[in-house]
Amino acid sequence: VQLQASGGGLVQAGGSLRLSCKASGINFGINTMNWYRQAPGKEREMVATVTSRNIEDYVDSVKGRFTISRDNVKRTLYLQMDSLKPEDTAVYYCQTVFRGRNYWGQGTLVTVSS
């Protein structure tokens, strides 16, 4: 199983970024897929989740600004991040559970400057 995250970078406050996570080795279409983030000195937190039926949920701090989506044909998970704030600065990870095991992508750094 591999989860390959990409799309992070440096952006000014108010800007946008789109993260991608390419999955292999799992039955992508039936897996709930998640984005987590970990800011410096803080615990990792779930940011957004999308089920196999495209039911989405978000942590309150990103509601209305972030959108999670999936392309089952491309086996890719996305996170569209708009109206970014400095407090969104973190390493972002894609994650899923497959056959009872937890799998993480390698993380992609998002830095939002004020």
N, C-alpha and C. Protein backbone atom coordinates (compact mmCIF):
# COMPACT_ATOMS: atom_id res chain seq x y z
N VAL A 1 0.85 -1.18 0.00
CA VAL A 1 0.00 0.00 0.00
C VAL A 1 0.89 1.24 0.00
N GLN A 2 0.56 2.16 -0.89
CA GLN A 2 1.29 3.44 -0.90
C GLN A 2 0.31 4.58 -1.04
N LEU A 3 0.55 5.62 -0.27
CA LEU A 3 -0.19 6.87 -0.37
C LEU A 3 0.84 7.97 -0.63
N GLN A 4 0.76 8.57 -1.80
CA GLN A 4 1.75 9.56 -2.22
C GLN A 4 1.10 10.94 -2.26
N ALA A 5 1.43 11.76 -1.25
CA ALA A 5 0.84 13.10 -1.16
C ALA A 5 1.72 14.12 -1.85
N SER A 6 1.07 15.13 -2.41
CA SER A 6 1.80 16.21 -3.07
C SER A 6 0.95 17.47 -3.08
N GLY A 7 1.57 18.58 -3.48
CA GLY A 7 0.82 19.81 -3.66
C GLY A 7 1.05 20.89 -2.62
N GLY A 8 1.82 20.58 -1.59
CA GLY A 8 2.09 21.59 -0.58
C GLY A 8 3.00 22.67 -1.12
N GLY A 9 3.16 23.72 -0.32
CA GLY A 9 4.02 24.81 -0.72
C GLY A 9 3.83 26.02 0.16
N LEU A 10 4.40 27.13 -0.28
CA LEU A 10 4.31 28.40 0.44
C LEU A 10 3.28 29.28 -0.25
N VAL A 11 2.36 29.81 0.53
CA VAL A 11 1.31 30.66 -0.03
C VAL A 11 1.02 31.79 0.95
N GLN A 12 0.59 32.91 0.43
CA GLN A 12 0.21 34.03 1.29
C GLN A 12 -1.19 33.80 1.87
N ALA A 13 -1.43 34.40 3.00
CA ALA A 13 -2.75 34.33 3.62
C ALA A 13 -3.81 34.79 2.61
N GLY A 14 -4.91 34.06 2.56
CA GLY A 14 -5.97 34.33 1.60
C GLY A 14 -5.84 33.56 0.31
N GLY A 15 -4.71 32.91 0.13
CA GLY A 15 -4.47 32.16 -1.09
C GLY A 15 -5.05 30.76 -1.04
N SER A 16 -4.75 30.01 -2.10
CA SER A 16 -5.28 28.65 -2.25
C SER A 16 -4.19 27.66 -2.62
N LEU A 17 -4.42 26.43 -2.23
CA LEU A 17 -3.59 25.31 -2.64
C LEU A 17 -4.49 24.09 -2.81
N ARG A 18 -4.07 23.17 -3.67
CA ARG A 18 -4.77 21.89 -3.79
C ARG A 18 -3.79 20.76 -3.54
N LEU A 19 -4.09 19.96 -2.55
CA LEU A 19 -3.28 18.79 -2.24
C LEU A 19 -3.85 17.58 -2.97
N SER A 20 -2.96 16.66 -3.33
CA SER A 20 -3.36 15.41 -3.96
C SER A 20 -2.73 14.25 -3.21
N CYS A 21 -3.39 13.11 -3.26
CA CYS A 21 -2.88 11.90 -2.63
C CYS A 21 -3.21 10.73 -3.55
N LYS A 22 -2.20 10.20 -4.19
CA LYS A 22 -2.36 9.07 -5.10
C LYS A 22 -2.21 7.78 -4.32
N ALA A 23 -3.21 6.91 -4.44
CA ALA A 23 -3.21 5.66 -3.69
C ALA A 23 -2.95 4.47 -4.59
N SER A 24 -2.25 3.50 -4.05
CA SER A 24 -2.06 2.23 -4.75
C SER A 24 -2.06 1.11 -3.71
N GLY A 25 -2.46 -0.06 -4.17
CA GLY A 25 -2.46 -1.22 -3.29
C GLY A 25 -3.68 -1.39 -2.42
N ILE A 26 -4.68 -0.53 -2.59
CA ILE A 26 -5.92 -0.63 -1.83
C ILE A 26 -7.10 -0.60 -2.79
N ASN A 27 -8.24 -1.04 -2.32
CA ASN A 27 -9.47 -0.93 -3.10
C ASN A 27 -10.01 0.48 -2.86
N PHE A 28 -9.43 1.43 -3.57
CA PHE A 28 -9.63 2.85 -3.27
C PHE A 28 -11.10 3.23 -3.21
N GLY A 29 -11.90 2.68 -4.12
CA GLY A 29 -13.28 3.10 -4.24
C GLY A 29 -14.14 2.81 -3.03
N ILE A 30 -13.73 1.88 -2.19
CA ILE A 30 -14.56 1.53 -1.05
C ILE A 30 -13.98 2.02 0.27
N ASN A 31 -12.83 2.67 0.20
CA ASN A 31 -12.19 3.13 1.44
C ASN A 31 -12.62 4.55 1.80
N THR A 32 -12.89 4.76 3.08
CA THR A 32 -12.97 6.12 3.60
C THR A 32 -11.55 6.69 3.59
N MET A 33 -11.43 7.90 3.08
CA MET A 33 -10.13 8.55 2.96
C MET A 33 -10.13 9.83 3.78
N ASN A 34 -9.00 10.12 4.38
CA ASN A 34 -8.90 11.24 5.33
C ASN A 34 -7.67 12.09 5.05
N TRP A 35 -7.80 13.36 5.39
CA TRP A 35 -6.66 14.27 5.47
C TRP A 35 -6.46 14.65 6.94
N TYR A 36 -5.23 14.57 7.40
CA TYR A 36 -4.82 15.02 8.71
C TYR A 36 -3.78 16.12 8.52
N ARG A 37 -3.54 16.86 9.60
CA ARG A 37 -2.44 17.80 9.60
C ARG A 37 -1.80 17.85 10.99
N GLN A 38 -0.54 18.23 10.98
CA GLN A 38 0.18 18.40 12.24
C GLN A 38 1.00 19.67 12.17
N ALA A 39 0.62 20.62 13.00
CA ALA A 39 1.34 21.88 13.09
C ALA A 39 2.49 21.74 14.07
N PRO A 40 3.50 22.58 13.97
CA PRO A 40 4.65 22.50 14.89
C PRO A 40 4.20 22.59 16.34
N GLY A 41 4.63 21.63 17.14
CA GLY A 41 4.31 21.64 18.56
C GLY A 41 2.90 21.23 18.91
N LYS A 42 2.15 20.77 17.92
CA LYS A 42 0.76 20.38 18.17
C LYS A 42 0.53 18.93 17.79
N GLU A 43 -0.57 18.37 18.28
CA GLU A 43 -0.92 17.01 17.94
C GLU A 43 -1.52 16.96 16.54
N ARG A 44 -1.40 15.79 15.93
CA ARG A 44 -2.01 15.58 14.62
C ARG A 44 -3.52 15.60 14.77
N GLU A 45 -4.20 16.27 13.84
CA GLU A 45 -5.65 16.35 13.88
C GLU A 45 -6.23 16.01 12.52
N MET A 46 -7.43 15.40 12.54
CA MET A 46 -8.12 15.13 11.31
C MET A 46 -8.72 16.43 10.78
N VAL A 47 -8.49 16.69 9.51
CA VAL A 47 -8.99 17.91 8.89
C VAL A 47 -10.27 17.65 8.11
N ALA A 48 -10.27 16.56 7.35
CA ALA A 48 -11.41 16.27 6.49
C ALA A 48 -11.46 14.78 6.19
N THR A 49 -12.68 14.30 5.94
CA THR A 49 -12.88 12.90 5.63
C THR A 49 -13.92 12.77 4.53
N VAL A 50 -13.78 11.74 3.72
CA VAL A 50 -14.78 11.46 2.69
C VAL A 50 -14.98 9.95 2.61
N THR A 51 -16.25 9.53 2.69
CA THR A 51 -16.55 8.10 2.64
C THR A 51 -16.64 7.62 1.19
N SER A 52 -16.84 6.32 1.05
CA SER A 52 -16.98 5.74 -0.29
C SER A 52 -18.24 6.26 -0.98
N ARG A 53 -19.19 6.75 -0.22
CA ARG A 53 -20.42 7.32 -0.79
C ARG A 53 -20.34 8.83 -0.91
N ASN A 54 -19.11 9.37 -0.78
CA ASN A 54 -18.87 10.81 -0.92
C ASN A 54 -19.55 11.64 0.16
N ILE A 55 -19.71 11.07 1.34
CA ILE A 55 -20.16 11.85 2.48
C ILE A 55 -18.93 12.51 3.09
N GLU A 56 -18.99 13.83 3.23
CA GLU A 56 -17.84 14.59 3.68
C GLU A 56 -18.05 15.11 5.10
N ASP A 57 -16.94 15.31 5.80
CA ASP A 57 -17.01 15.99 7.08
C ASP A 57 -15.69 16.72 7.29
N TYR A 58 -15.76 17.79 8.10
CA TYR A 58 -14.60 18.65 8.29
C TYR A 58 -14.47 19.08 9.75
N VAL A 59 -13.27 19.35 10.16
CA VAL A 59 -13.07 19.99 11.45
C VAL A 59 -13.62 21.41 11.34
N ASP A 60 -14.15 21.91 12.44
CA ASP A 60 -14.83 23.21 12.39
C ASP A 60 -13.95 24.33 11.85
N SER A 61 -12.66 24.28 12.14
CA SER A 61 -11.78 25.39 11.77
C SER A 61 -11.58 25.53 10.27
N VAL A 62 -11.95 24.52 9.48
CA VAL A 62 -11.76 24.62 8.03
C VAL A 62 -13.07 24.59 7.26
N LYS A 63 -14.18 24.44 7.94
CA LYS A 63 -15.48 24.38 7.26
C LYS A 63 -15.71 25.66 6.47
N GLY A 64 -16.16 25.48 5.23
CA GLY A 64 -16.40 26.61 4.36
C GLY A 64 -15.18 27.10 3.61
N ARG A 65 -14.00 26.57 3.96
CA ARG A 65 -12.76 26.97 3.27
C ARG A 65 -12.09 25.81 2.55
N PHE A 66 -12.20 24.61 3.10
CA PHE A 66 -11.56 23.43 2.51
C PHE A 66 -12.63 22.52 1.91
N THR A 67 -12.26 21.83 0.85
CA THR A 67 -13.15 20.86 0.21
C THR A 67 -12.37 19.59 -0.09
N ILE A 68 -12.86 18.48 0.45
CA ILE A 68 -12.25 17.19 0.16
C ILE A 68 -13.01 16.54 -0.98
N SER A 69 -12.28 15.84 -1.84
CA SER A 69 -12.93 15.14 -2.95
C SER A 69 -12.08 13.95 -3.34
N ARG A 70 -12.69 13.09 -4.15
CA ARG A 70 -11.97 11.88 -4.57
C ARG A 70 -12.31 11.57 -6.02
N ASP A 71 -11.34 11.00 -6.71
CA ASP A 71 -11.54 10.52 -8.07
C ASP A 71 -11.20 9.03 -8.04
N ASN A 72 -12.22 8.20 -8.04
CA ASN A 72 -11.99 6.77 -7.89
C ASN A 72 -11.33 6.16 -9.12
N VAL A 73 -11.52 6.76 -10.27
CA VAL A 73 -10.87 6.25 -11.48
C VAL A 73 -9.36 6.51 -11.39
N LYS A 74 -9.00 7.71 -10.99
CA LYS A 74 -7.58 8.06 -10.85
C LYS A 74 -7.00 7.59 -9.51
N ARG A 75 -7.83 7.05 -8.63
CA ARG A 75 -7.39 6.58 -7.32
C ARG A 75 -6.67 7.70 -6.56
N THR A 76 -7.26 8.86 -6.62
CA THR A 76 -6.62 10.04 -6.04
C THR A 76 -7.59 10.79 -5.15
N LEU A 77 -7.07 11.22 -4.01
CA LEU A 77 -7.79 12.03 -3.04
C LEU A 77 -7.28 13.46 -3.16
N TYR A 78 -8.18 14.42 -2.99
CA TYR A 78 -7.80 15.83 -3.09
C TYR A 78 -8.24 16.59 -1.85
N LEU A 79 -7.56 17.71 -1.62
CA LEU A 79 -8.00 18.67 -0.63
C LEU A 79 -7.79 20.06 -1.22
N GLN A 80 -8.88 20.69 -1.58
CA GLN A 80 -8.84 22.07 -2.06
C GLN A 80 -8.90 23.00 -0.86
N MET A 81 -7.89 23.82 -0.71
CA MET A 81 -7.79 24.71 0.44
C MET A 81 -7.83 26.15 -0.04
N ASP A 82 -8.88 26.86 0.33
CA ASP A 82 -9.06 28.26 -0.04
C ASP A 82 -9.04 29.14 1.20
N SER A 83 -8.87 30.42 0.98
CA SER A 83 -8.86 31.40 2.09
C SER A 83 -7.93 30.93 3.20
N LEU A 84 -6.73 30.53 2.81
CA LEU A 84 -5.79 29.98 3.78
C LEU A 84 -5.37 31.02 4.80
N LYS A 85 -5.14 30.54 6.02
CA LYS A 85 -4.74 31.38 7.14
C LYS A 85 -3.39 30.89 7.67
N PRO A 86 -2.65 31.75 8.32
CA PRO A 86 -1.36 31.31 8.89
C PRO A 86 -1.51 30.10 9.81
N GLU A 87 -2.64 30.00 10.50
CA GLU A 87 -2.83 28.86 11.41
C GLU A 87 -3.09 27.55 10.67
N ASP A 88 -3.21 27.59 9.36
CA ASP A 88 -3.30 26.37 8.56
C ASP A 88 -1.92 25.77 8.27
N THR A 89 -0.89 26.49 8.63
CA THR A 89 0.46 25.99 8.41
C THR A 89 0.67 24.68 9.16
N ALA A 90 1.07 23.65 8.41
CA ALA A 90 1.22 22.31 8.99
C ALA A 90 1.75 21.36 7.92
N VAL A 91 2.13 20.19 8.36
CA VAL A 91 2.36 19.09 7.44
C VAL A 91 1.03 18.35 7.29
N TYR A 92 0.61 18.15 6.06
CA TYR A 92 -0.66 17.50 5.77
C TYR A 92 -0.42 16.06 5.31
N TYR A 93 -1.21 15.15 5.85
CA TYR A 93 -1.06 13.72 5.57
C TYR A 93 -2.39 13.16 5.07
N CYS A 94 -2.33 12.31 4.07
CA CYS A 94 -3.50 11.51 3.74
C CYS A 94 -3.40 10.19 4.50
N GLN A 95 -4.56 9.62 4.77
CA GLN A 95 -4.60 8.44 5.64
C GLN A 95 -5.81 7.60 5.30
N THR A 96 -5.66 6.28 5.48
CA THR A 96 -6.79 5.39 5.35
C THR A 96 -6.50 4.14 6.16
N VAL A 97 -7.55 3.37 6.38
CA VAL A 97 -7.43 2.07 7.02
C VAL A 97 -7.79 1.02 5.98
N PHE A 98 -6.95 0.02 5.83
CA PHE A 98 -7.18 -1.04 4.85
C PHE A 98 -6.85 -2.36 5.50
N ARG A 99 -7.80 -3.26 5.50
CA ARG A 99 -7.64 -4.59 6.12
C ARG A 99 -7.13 -4.47 7.55
N GLY A 100 -7.70 -3.50 8.27
CA GLY A 100 -7.39 -3.36 9.68
C GLY A 100 -6.10 -2.64 10.00
N ARG A 101 -5.39 -2.19 8.99
CA ARG A 101 -4.14 -1.49 9.21
C ARG A 101 -4.25 -0.04 8.79
N ASN A 102 -3.54 0.79 9.53
CA ASN A 102 -3.54 2.23 9.32
C ASN A 102 -2.40 2.57 8.35
N TYR A 103 -2.74 3.31 7.31
CA TYR A 103 -1.72 3.72 6.34
C TYR A 103 -1.70 5.24 6.21
N TRP A 104 -0.47 5.78 6.14
CA TRP A 104 -0.27 7.23 6.03
C TRP A 104 0.57 7.55 4.80
N GLY A 105 0.25 8.67 4.18
CA GLY A 105 1.14 9.21 3.18
C GLY A 105 2.35 9.84 3.87
N GLN A 106 3.29 10.31 3.06
CA GLN A 106 4.54 10.80 3.62
C GLN A 106 4.44 12.23 4.14
N GLY A 107 3.34 12.90 3.86
CA GLY A 107 3.17 14.28 4.32
C GLY A 107 3.65 15.29 3.32
N THR A 108 2.93 16.39 3.25
CA THR A 108 3.33 17.50 2.39
C THR A 108 3.16 18.79 3.19
N LEU A 109 4.18 19.64 3.15
CA LEU A 109 4.22 20.84 4.00
C LEU A 109 3.47 21.99 3.35
N VAL A 110 2.56 22.57 4.12
CA VAL A 110 1.85 23.78 3.71
C VAL A 110 2.27 24.90 4.65
N THR A 111 2.78 25.97 4.09
CA THR A 111 3.18 27.13 4.87
C THR A 111 2.41 28.34 4.38
N VAL A 112 1.69 28.98 5.30
CA VAL A 112 0.88 30.16 4.96
C VAL A 112 1.49 31.37 5.65
N SER A 113 1.94 32.30 4.86
CA SER A 113 2.57 33.50 5.41
C SER A 113 1.53 34.60 5.60
N SER A 114 1.75 35.42 6.62
CA SER A 114 0.79 36.50 6.93
C SER A 114 1.14 37.77 6.18
